[in-house]
Protein backbone atom coordinates (compact mmCIF):
# COMPACT_ATOMS: atom_id res chain seq x y z
CA PHE A 1 7.05 0.36 2.33
CA GLY A 2 4.26 1.90 4.38
CA VAL A 3 3.94 5.19 6.19
CA GLU A 4 1.67 5.24 9.19
CA GLN A 5 0.26 7.41 11.94
CA TYR A 6 -2.03 6.75 14.88
CA ASN A 7 -5.39 8.51 14.61
CA GLY A 8 -6.53 7.59 18.13
CA VAL A 9 -8.32 4.42 17.01
CA LEU A 10 -6.26 2.73 14.29
CA PHE A 11 -2.86 2.97 12.72
CA VAL A 12 -3.55 4.46 9.29
CA GLY A 13 -1.36 5.61 6.44
CA SER A 14 -0.41 5.26 2.81
CA VAL A 15 1.51 2.63 0.89
CA TYR A 16 4.62 3.76 -0.97
CA VAL A 17 7.07 1.77 -3.07
CA TYR A 18 10.65 2.72 -3.87
CA ASP A 19 12.28 1.77 -7.15
CA THR A 20 15.95 1.13 -6.45
CA CYS A 21 16.71 0.76 -10.19
CA ARG A 22 18.41 -2.55 -9.47
CA THR A 23 17.65 -6.10 -10.53
CA THR A 24 19.15 -9.36 -9.35
CA THR A 25 21.78 -8.92 -12.07
CA GLY A 26 22.71 -5.31 -11.24
CA PRO A 27 21.69 -1.72 -11.95
CA VAL A 28 19.17 -0.82 -14.66
CA PRO A 29 20.83 1.50 -17.22
CA GLY A 30 19.13 4.90 -17.52
CA CYS A 31 16.76 4.28 -14.59
CA GLN A 32 16.14 7.03 -12.03
CA THR A 33 15.32 5.96 -8.46
CA SER A 34 11.84 7.06 -7.44
CA THR A 35 9.18 6.72 -4.77
CA LYS A 36 5.53 6.27 -5.71
CA MET A 37 2.36 6.19 -3.59
CA VAL A 38 0.33 3.16 -4.71
CA SER A 39 -2.57 3.34 -2.23
CA VAL A 40 -4.72 5.43 -4.59
CA ASP A 41 -8.09 4.88 -6.26
CA SER A 42 -8.78 5.23 -9.99
CA GLN A 43 -9.15 9.03 -9.59
CA GLY A 44 -5.81 9.35 -7.77
CA ASN A 45 -7.31 9.84 -4.29
CA ASN A 46 -5.51 8.29 -1.32
CA ILE A 47 -6.98 5.06 0.08
CA PRO A 48 -5.93 5.15 3.74
CA MET A 49 -4.51 1.73 4.53
CA ILE A 50 -4.83 0.45 8.06
CA LEU A 51 -2.53 -1.65 10.17
CA GLY A 52 -3.35 -4.18 12.83
CA LEU A 53 -6.21 -6.00 11.09
CA SER A 54 -4.28 -9.15 10.30
CA ALA A 55 -3.79 -11.68 13.07
CA VAL A 56 -0.19 -12.15 11.92
CA GLY A 57 0.55 -8.48 11.31
CA ASP A 58 0.95 -8.75 7.54
CA ASP A 59 -1.27 -5.86 6.49
CA MET A 60 0.67 -5.11 3.31
CA ALA A 61 2.94 -7.01 0.96
CA LEU A 62 4.96 -6.56 -2.21
CA SER A 63 5.25 -9.15 -4.97
CA HIS A 64 8.72 -10.63 -5.36
CA ASP A 65 9.20 -8.85 -8.71
CA GLY A 66 7.99 -5.50 -7.32
CA HIS A 67 5.18 -5.14 -9.86
CA TYR A 68 2.31 -5.36 -7.34
CA ALA A 69 1.51 -4.28 -3.79
CA VAL A 70 -1.42 -5.48 -1.70
CA PHE A 71 -2.76 -3.78 1.43
CA LEU A 72 -5.78 -3.75 3.73
CA TYR A 73 -8.15 -0.81 4.04
CA ARG A 74 -11.47 -0.06 5.73
CA VAL A 75 -14.67 1.30 4.17
CA GLY A 76 -17.77 2.61 5.88
CA PRO A 77 -19.66 3.22 7.90
CA ASP A 78 -22.71 1.85 6.10
CA ALA A 79 -26.31 2.79 7.00
CA HIS A 80 -26.05 0.61 10.13
CA GLY A 81 -22.73 2.08 11.30
CA ASN A 82 -20.70 -0.98 10.29
CA TYR A 83 -17.27 -0.95 8.67
CA SER A 84 -15.89 -3.49 6.21
CA ASN A 85 -12.25 -4.46 5.75
CA ARG A 86 -11.07 -4.95 2.18
CA ALA A 87 -7.88 -5.86 0.40
CA ALA A 88 -6.55 -3.86 -2.53
CA LEU A 89 -4.12 -4.98 -5.22
CA ALA A 90 -2.18 -2.12 -6.81
CA ALA A 91 0.18 -2.13 -9.77
CA THR A 92 3.38 -0.34 -8.76
CA GLY A 93 4.34 0.74 -12.27
CA PHE A 94 7.82 -0.71 -11.78
């Protein structure tokens, strides 16, 4: 559920989720399939997620019920030129 590109240093991108309008018991009546970008801040600006930070390669995940996504992103540089890696938890709206 991520879209990525290589910027010459890191793999960066955005996190999208796709609502299939299905549950474990079948289709949801009246639901329209949709794709939503969830890697956004409170003002709706993209938070570029990054790949390759986790030692096991799990830089993003989706909760089993599809209500939440988590991903890693980088902030900085600070006054000393350092970057920090952070994790974000986003409600998918599904």
